[in-house]
Amino acid sequence: MTRRRAWSIVPYLFIMPAMVGLGLFKLYPIMEGLRLSFYDVKPIARTQEFIGLANFLELVRDPVILRATWNTLLFNLLVTPTQIVLALALAVLVNRKGKVIQAFRSLFFMPAVISLVVASIIWKLMYNPDSGLVNGLLIAVSLPAQTFLTSTSQAMASVMGMVVWKGVGYWMVILLAGLKDIPEGIQEAAIVDGAGPSRRFFSITFPLLSPTLLFVVVADTVINFLLFVPVYVMTQGGPSESTTLLMFEVYRNAFVYTRFGYAAAISTTLLLVIAVAVTVQMRFLRVEFEY
């Protein structure tokens, strides 16, 4: 009895460090942020005054937060589908053998290994209106130079372009792994039955790839909701709040305006928005195909 009980404890001992880390660095910050959202925190005086829902009521009247909310939703609605469609297309394209194909895989994946901070700095330099690569190419083909990051009509699209470029290769590799898991025999049987490439993709490949695709959709959505670095490095939320996102407002209210309670309310609201978005995705993108 003692030996059997000792063996039953062993798995829990192995996962205990991970559970402790999860509790300290994930669950505790979430609960502490939720608590602080109901307080007016004064870090200099080191005081916390309970104010109930006042921070949340201020959120719905704050034009900057409303603009950041709209920008965040728009960012996700445009960037996430674009990344996934391009990643899926590239995964299908490179899902074959050959040294040239392997070279293309490495080329497409290369942006994913670059730090997001470094990538943001590189693209900021490329967008420079005076000496940037992008404007240099435009001028070379007799087109006028553009103020990409200082124009209210172009700044958000410019940030989106960098984020799409950065993420496509990463999701391509994950989708490629999903494609590799599909048994070749199914595809061969479909070819024997006379199914063409498009028919095989939509009737076989796409349905069998749905578990991997669901993971990519959910993970990419969460990552894009929590995006902060490109906005901080490239635009600082400007011009005229045209590129500010909710995560950037969390940072700005906490560490620039020292309104930690208000920042906690923003992060709590963002967490709820993410939870709703993921729930909707899990509800409507249910996996119904197995092999």
Protein backbone atom coordinates (compact mmCIF):
# COMPACT_ATOMS: atom_id res chain seq x y z
CA MET A 1 0.00 0.00 0.00
CA THR A 2 2.79 2.39 0.94
CA ARG A 3 4.71 1.66 -2.24
CA ARG A 4 1.64 2.16 -4.44
CA ARG A 5 0.83 5.45 -2.71
CA ALA A 6 4.43 6.66 -3.13
CA TRP A 7 4.32 5.97 -6.86
CA SER A 8 1.03 7.87 -7.19
CA ILE A 9 2.66 10.97 -5.71
CA VAL A 10 5.58 10.99 -8.13
CA PRO A 11 3.73 12.56 -11.13
CA TYR A 12 2.51 15.41 -8.94
CA LEU A 13 6.04 16.05 -7.70
CA PHE A 14 7.20 16.40 -11.30
CA ILE A 15 4.49 18.89 -12.25
CA MET A 16 4.68 20.81 -8.97
CA PRO A 17 7.43 23.27 -10.16
CA ALA A 18 5.37 24.10 -13.24
CA MET A 19 2.22 24.56 -11.14
CA VAL A 20 4.06 26.80 -8.68
CA GLY A 21 5.44 28.87 -11.56
CA LEU A 22 1.98 29.09 -13.13
CA GLY A 23 0.50 30.25 -9.86
CA LEU A 24 3.20 32.83 -9.13
CA PHE A 25 3.62 34.30 -12.60
CA LYS A 26 0.17 33.82 -14.16
CA LEU A 27 -2.68 33.31 -11.71
CA TYR A 28 -1.44 35.64 -8.97
CA PRO A 29 -0.85 38.63 -11.32
CA ILE A 30 -4.32 38.12 -12.82
CA MET A 31 -6.00 38.07 -9.40
CA GLU A 32 -3.92 41.02 -8.15
CA GLY A 33 -4.77 42.99 -11.28
CA LEU A 34 -8.45 42.23 -10.77
CA ARG A 35 -8.22 43.44 -7.17
CA LEU A 36 -6.36 46.63 -8.07
CA SER A 37 -8.99 47.51 -10.68
CA PHE A 38 -11.35 48.37 -7.81
CA TYR A 39 -8.87 50.71 -6.12
CA ASP A 40 -7.38 54.15 -6.63
CA VAL A 41 -3.70 53.33 -6.18
CA LYS A 42 -1.33 56.14 -5.21
CA PRO A 43 2.19 54.67 -5.49
CA ILE A 44 4.01 57.72 -4.13
CA ALA A 45 1.86 57.90 -1.01
CA ARG A 46 1.69 54.09 -0.94
CA THR A 47 -2.05 54.10 -0.38
CA GLN A 48 -4.94 52.23 -1.95
CA GLU A 49 -8.48 53.60 -1.73
CA PHE A 50 -11.38 51.33 -2.60
CA ILE A 51 -13.55 53.03 -5.25
CA GLY A 52 -15.67 50.13 -6.49
CA LEU A 53 -16.55 50.31 -10.19
CA ALA A 54 -15.35 53.90 -10.66
CA ASN A 55 -12.40 52.86 -12.84
CA PHE A 56 -14.65 50.80 -15.10
CA LEU A 57 -17.21 53.60 -15.36
CA GLU A 58 -14.44 55.97 -16.38
CA LEU A 59 -13.35 53.51 -19.08
CA VAL A 60 -16.62 53.74 -20.97
CA ARG A 61 -16.38 57.55 -21.00
CA ASP A 62 -12.68 57.85 -21.84
CA PRO A 63 -12.33 58.74 -25.55
CA VAL A 64 -8.73 57.48 -25.66
CA ILE A 65 -9.72 54.07 -24.30
CA LEU A 66 -12.68 53.88 -26.67
CA ARG A 67 -10.34 54.67 -29.56
CA ALA A 68 -7.84 52.07 -28.32
CA THR A 69 -10.63 49.49 -28.08
CA TRP A 70 -11.73 50.17 -31.65
CA ASN A 71 -8.12 50.04 -32.87
CA THR A 72 -7.52 46.75 -31.04
CA LEU A 73 -10.62 45.12 -32.52
CA LEU A 74 -9.84 46.43 -36.00
CA PHE A 75 -6.24 45.28 -35.69
CA ASN A 76 -7.36 41.75 -34.85
CA LEU A 77 -10.05 41.61 -37.52
CA LEU A 78 -7.52 42.52 -40.21
CA VAL A 79 -4.20 41.09 -39.05
CA THR A 80 -5.26 37.70 -37.69
CA PRO A 81 -7.09 36.44 -40.84
CA THR A 82 -4.34 37.85 -43.07
CA GLN A 83 -1.61 36.06 -41.12
CA ILE A 84 -3.49 32.76 -41.08
CA VAL A 85 -4.45 32.79 -44.77
CA LEU A 86 -0.90 33.63 -45.85
CA ALA A 87 0.58 31.10 -43.42
CA LEU A 88 -1.73 28.37 -44.71
CA ALA A 89 -0.94 29.20 -48.33
CA LEU A 90 2.81 29.09 -47.64
CA ALA A 91 2.49 25.85 -45.64
CA VAL A 92 0.71 24.17 -48.55
CA LEU A 93 3.30 25.60 -50.96
CA VAL A 94 6.32 24.25 -49.07
CA ASN A 95 4.73 20.93 -48.07
CA ARG A 96 6.86 18.96 -50.48
CA LYS A 97 10.39 17.62 -50.76
CA GLY A 98 13.43 19.21 -52.35
CA LYS A 99 16.40 21.37 -51.41
CA VAL A 100 14.88 24.46 -53.02
CA ILE A 101 11.70 23.99 -50.98
CA GLN A 102 13.78 23.64 -47.81
CA ALA A 103 15.52 26.91 -48.64
CA PHE A 104 12.15 28.63 -49.06
CA ARG A 105 10.98 27.22 -45.71
CA SER A 106 13.98 28.77 -44.00
CA LEU A 107 13.47 32.05 -45.84
CA PHE A 108 9.80 32.30 -44.88
CA PHE A 109 10.52 31.34 -41.26
CA MET A 110 13.41 33.78 -40.84
CA PRO A 111 11.29 36.76 -39.61
CA ALA A 112 9.95 34.60 -36.77
CA VAL A 113 13.41 34.16 -35.22
CA ILE A 114 14.03 37.91 -35.08
CA SER A 115 13.17 39.62 -31.81
CA LEU A 116 9.96 41.65 -32.03
CA VAL A 117 11.82 44.68 -30.68
CA VAL A 118 14.53 44.34 -33.32
CA ALA A 119 11.97 43.79 -36.08
CA SER A 120 10.06 46.90 -34.98
CA ILE A 121 13.23 49.01 -35.03
CA ILE A 122 14.17 47.68 -38.48
CA TRP A 123 10.76 48.48 -39.92
CA LYS A 124 10.75 51.90 -38.28
CA LEU A 125 14.02 52.64 -40.08
CA MET A 126 12.61 51.25 -43.33
CA TYR A 127 9.60 53.56 -42.99
CA ASN A 128 11.78 56.64 -42.39
CA PRO A 129 10.45 59.41 -44.67
CA ASP A 130 13.92 60.74 -45.52
CA SER A 131 16.26 57.75 -45.74
CA GLY A 132 14.06 54.68 -45.40
CA LEU A 133 14.19 51.73 -47.77
CA VAL A 134 10.47 51.80 -48.56
CA ASN A 135 10.49 55.44 -49.63
CA GLY A 136 13.71 54.83 -51.53
CA LEU A 137 11.93 52.18 -53.59
CA LEU A 138 8.94 54.46 -54.15
CA ILE A 139 11.16 57.28 -55.35
CA ALA A 140 13.05 54.86 -57.61
CA VAL A 141 9.82 54.13 -59.48
CA SER A 142 8.84 57.83 -59.63
CA LEU A 143 6.31 57.71 -56.79
CA PRO A 144 6.19 60.32 -54.00
CA ALA A 145 7.68 59.55 -50.60
CA GLN A 146 5.19 58.75 -47.84
CA THR A 147 5.06 59.65 -44.15
CA PHE A 148 4.10 56.15 -43.08
CA LEU A 149 4.39 56.43 -39.29
CA THR A 150 3.40 60.09 -38.91
CA SER A 151 0.25 60.00 -41.03
CA THR A 152 -3.03 59.22 -39.30
CA SER A 153 -4.24 57.42 -42.41
CA GLN A 154 -1.12 55.27 -42.89
CA ALA A 155 0.36 54.60 -39.45
CA MET A 156 -1.93 51.74 -38.43
CA ALA A 157 -1.59 50.00 -41.79
CA SER A 158 2.20 50.37 -41.53
CA VAL A 159 2.27 48.70 -38.11
CA MET A 160 -0.06 45.97 -39.37
CA GLY A 161 2.27 45.27 -42.28
CA MET A 162 5.20 44.70 -39.94
CA VAL A 163 3.18 42.42 -37.64
CA VAL A 164 1.89 40.33 -40.54
CA TRP A 165 5.43 39.95 -41.90
CA LYS A 166 6.71 38.94 -38.46
CA GLY A 167 4.07 36.32 -37.70
CA VAL A 168 3.35 34.55 -40.98
CA GLY A 169 6.47 32.36 -40.90
CA TYR A 170 5.81 31.20 -37.34
CA TRP A 171 2.25 30.09 -38.06
CA MET A 172 3.40 28.56 -41.35
CA VAL A 173 5.66 26.13 -39.48
CA ILE A 174 2.86 25.08 -37.13
CA LEU A 175 0.42 24.55 -39.99
CA LEU A 176 3.12 22.68 -41.92
CA ALA A 177 3.49 20.31 -38.98
CA GLY A 178 -0.26 19.75 -39.11
CA LEU A 179 -0.07 19.00 -42.82
CA LYS A 180 2.72 16.49 -42.21
CA ASP A 181 0.47 14.63 -39.76
CA ILE A 182 -2.18 13.96 -42.41
CA PRO A 183 -1.66 10.38 -43.68
CA GLU A 184 -0.39 10.31 -47.25
CA GLY A 185 -2.59 7.31 -47.97
CA ILE A 186 -5.71 9.45 -47.78
CA GLN A 187 -4.36 11.84 -50.39
CA GLU A 188 -3.23 8.97 -52.61
CA ALA A 189 -6.65 7.35 -52.43
CA ALA A 190 -8.28 10.63 -53.42
CA ILE A 191 -5.94 10.95 -56.41
CA VAL A 192 -6.83 7.43 -57.51
CA ASP A 193 -10.52 8.38 -57.28
CA GLY A 194 -9.86 11.31 -59.61
CA ALA A 195 -10.01 14.20 -57.12
CA GLY A 196 -8.18 17.32 -58.30
CA PRO A 197 -5.90 19.53 -56.17
CA SER A 198 -8.64 21.97 -55.12
CA ARG A 199 -11.09 19.16 -54.32
CA ARG A 200 -8.46 17.36 -52.23
CA PHE A 201 -7.63 20.54 -50.33
CA PHE A 202 -11.19 21.52 -49.41
CA SER A 203 -12.54 17.99 -48.89
CA ILE A 204 -9.54 16.33 -47.24
CA THR A 205 -6.67 18.62 -46.26
CA PHE A 206 -8.65 21.51 -44.78
CA PRO A 207 -11.02 19.37 -42.65
CA LEU A 208 -8.21 17.18 -41.32
CA LEU A 209 -6.11 20.25 -40.58
CA SER A 210 -8.91 21.82 -38.51
CA PRO A 211 -7.49 20.90 -35.04
CA THR A 212 -4.20 22.62 -35.86
CA LEU A 213 -6.00 25.49 -37.56
CA LEU A 214 -8.20 26.03 -34.50
CA PHE A 215 -5.12 26.27 -32.29
CA VAL A 216 -3.50 28.76 -34.67
CA VAL A 217 -6.64 30.93 -34.84
CA VAL A 218 -7.04 31.08 -31.05
CA ALA A 219 -3.34 31.58 -30.29
CA ASP A 220 -2.89 34.24 -32.97
CA THR A 221 -5.97 36.10 -31.74
CA VAL A 222 -4.71 36.19 -28.16
CA ILE A 223 -1.22 37.30 -29.24
CA ASN A 224 -2.60 40.12 -31.38
CA PHE A 225 -4.89 41.31 -28.58
CA LEU A 226 -1.86 41.53 -26.27
CA LEU A 227 0.39 43.25 -28.80
CA PHE A 228 2.44 46.08 -27.33
CA VAL A 229 6.02 46.24 -28.62
CA PRO A 230 5.43 47.44 -32.23
CA VAL A 231 3.23 50.32 -31.09
CA TYR A 232 5.67 51.31 -28.35
CA VAL A 233 8.72 51.21 -30.63
CA MET A 234 7.27 52.50 -33.89
CA THR A 235 4.57 55.07 -33.06
CA GLN A 236 4.05 55.50 -29.30
CA GLY A 237 0.33 55.27 -30.04
CA GLY A 238 0.33 58.24 -32.40
CA PRO A 239 -0.25 60.18 -34.42
CA SER A 240 -3.42 61.44 -32.68
CA GLU A 241 -4.02 58.06 -31.00
CA SER A 242 -4.46 56.43 -34.43
CA THR A 243 -2.32 53.41 -33.49
CA THR A 244 -2.88 53.13 -29.76
CA LEU A 245 -3.98 49.69 -28.56
CA LEU A 246 -5.40 48.55 -25.23
CA MET A 247 -2.13 46.97 -24.11
CA PHE A 248 -0.29 50.19 -24.87
CA GLU A 249 -2.84 52.09 -22.78
CA VAL A 250 -2.26 49.66 -19.91
CA TYR A 251 1.44 50.51 -20.05
CA ARG A 252 0.89 54.25 -20.47
CA ASN A 253 -1.59 54.57 -17.60
CA ALA A 254 0.52 52.42 -15.28
CA PHE A 255 4.04 53.67 -15.94
CA VAL A 256 3.58 57.12 -17.47
CA TYR A 257 0.53 58.44 -15.61
CA THR A 258 1.09 56.15 -12.54
CA ARG A 259 -2.62 55.27 -12.49
CA PHE A 260 -2.16 51.63 -11.56
CA GLY A 261 -5.78 51.05 -10.59
CA TYR A 262 -7.03 52.44 -13.88
CA ALA A 263 -4.45 50.41 -15.81
CA ALA A 264 -5.58 47.29 -13.94
CA ALA A 265 -9.17 48.04 -14.97
CA ILE A 266 -8.07 48.29 -18.62
CA SER A 267 -6.19 44.99 -18.42
CA THR A 268 -9.15 43.30 -16.73
CA THR A 269 -11.45 44.56 -19.47
CA LEU A 270 -8.99 43.34 -22.09
CA LEU A 271 -8.91 39.92 -20.42
CA LEU A 272 -12.70 39.73 -20.61
CA VAL A 273 -12.66 40.75 -24.29
CA ILE A 274 -10.11 38.02 -25.03
CA ALA A 275 -12.17 35.45 -23.12
CA VAL A 276 -15.28 36.35 -25.13
CA ALA A 277 -13.39 36.25 -28.44
CA VAL A 278 -11.84 32.85 -27.67
CA THR A 279 -15.18 31.45 -26.49
CA VAL A 280 -16.84 32.53 -29.73
CA GLN A 281 -14.03 30.99 -31.76
CA MET A 282 -14.21 27.70 -29.86
CA ARG A 283 -17.98 27.69 -30.30
CA PHE A 284 -18.08 28.31 -34.04
CA LEU A 285 -14.83 26.61 -35.07
CA ARG A 286 -15.45 23.29 -33.38
CA VAL A 287 -13.34 20.40 -34.61
CA GLU A 288 -15.60 17.79 -36.19
CA PHE A 289 -13.12 15.81 -38.28
CA GLU A 290 -10.80 13.05 -37.13
CA TYR A 291 -8.53 10.57 -38.84
